[in-house]
Amino acid sequence: NDLVEELDRGIPAGGSEVAQELTAERLEPVRRMLQAYDEAFVKEVTH
């Protein structure tokens, strides 16, 4: 879904200090959660 694609693009260069803490290990649970949701549901909730 779109949110997983957005996550895969990564954090923009020059991001905040928080961005430096978002390692692949920390992002993996978020990726799994996003993949579990149906794309239509995600669009309904986020738009």
Protein backbone atom coordinates (compact mmCIF):
# COMPACT_ATOMS: atom_id res chain seq x y z
CA ASN A 1 0.00 0.00 0.00
CA ASP A 2 0.96 3.65 -0.28
CA LEU A 3 2.16 3.95 3.31
CA VAL A 4 4.60 1.05 2.92
CA GLU A 5 5.94 2.67 -0.26
CA GLU A 6 6.35 5.95 1.62
CA LEU A 7 8.17 4.15 4.42
CA ASP A 8 10.45 2.44 1.90
CA ARG A 9 11.47 5.81 0.46
CA GLY A 10 13.08 6.60 3.78
CA ILE A 11 13.54 9.75 5.77
CA PRO A 12 14.51 12.83 3.73
CA ALA A 13 18.12 13.97 4.01
CA GLY A 14 18.53 16.76 6.50
CA GLY A 15 15.77 15.39 8.68
CA SER A 16 15.62 15.89 12.39
CA GLU A 17 17.64 14.05 15.02
CA VAL A 18 14.68 11.71 15.38
CA ALA A 19 15.25 10.54 11.80
CA GLN A 20 18.68 9.27 12.79
CA GLU A 21 17.02 7.00 15.35
CA LEU A 22 14.72 5.39 12.77
CA THR A 23 16.89 2.41 11.95
CA ALA A 24 15.71 -0.48 9.78
CA GLU A 25 15.30 -2.52 12.96
CA ARG A 26 12.95 0.07 14.44
CA LEU A 27 11.01 0.53 11.21
CA GLU A 28 10.39 -3.19 10.61
CA PRO A 29 7.51 -3.52 13.12
CA VAL A 30 5.87 -0.47 11.53
CA ARG A 31 6.26 -2.01 8.07
CA ARG A 32 4.68 -5.29 9.24
CA MET A 33 1.76 -3.41 10.81
CA LEU A 34 1.13 -1.39 7.65
CA GLN A 35 1.27 -4.50 5.46
CA ALA A 36 -1.39 -6.14 7.63
CA TYR A 37 -3.99 -3.52 6.72
CA ASP A 38 -6.10 -3.61 3.59
CA GLU A 39 -5.26 -0.72 1.23
CA ALA A 40 -8.90 0.42 1.07
CA PHE A 41 -9.00 0.62 4.87
CA VAL A 42 -5.78 2.64 4.97
CA LYS A 43 -7.13 5.10 2.39
CA GLU A 44 -10.37 5.48 4.35
CA VAL A 45 -8.51 6.23 7.57
CA THR A 46 -5.85 8.52 6.12
CA HIS A 47 -7.82 10.59 3.58
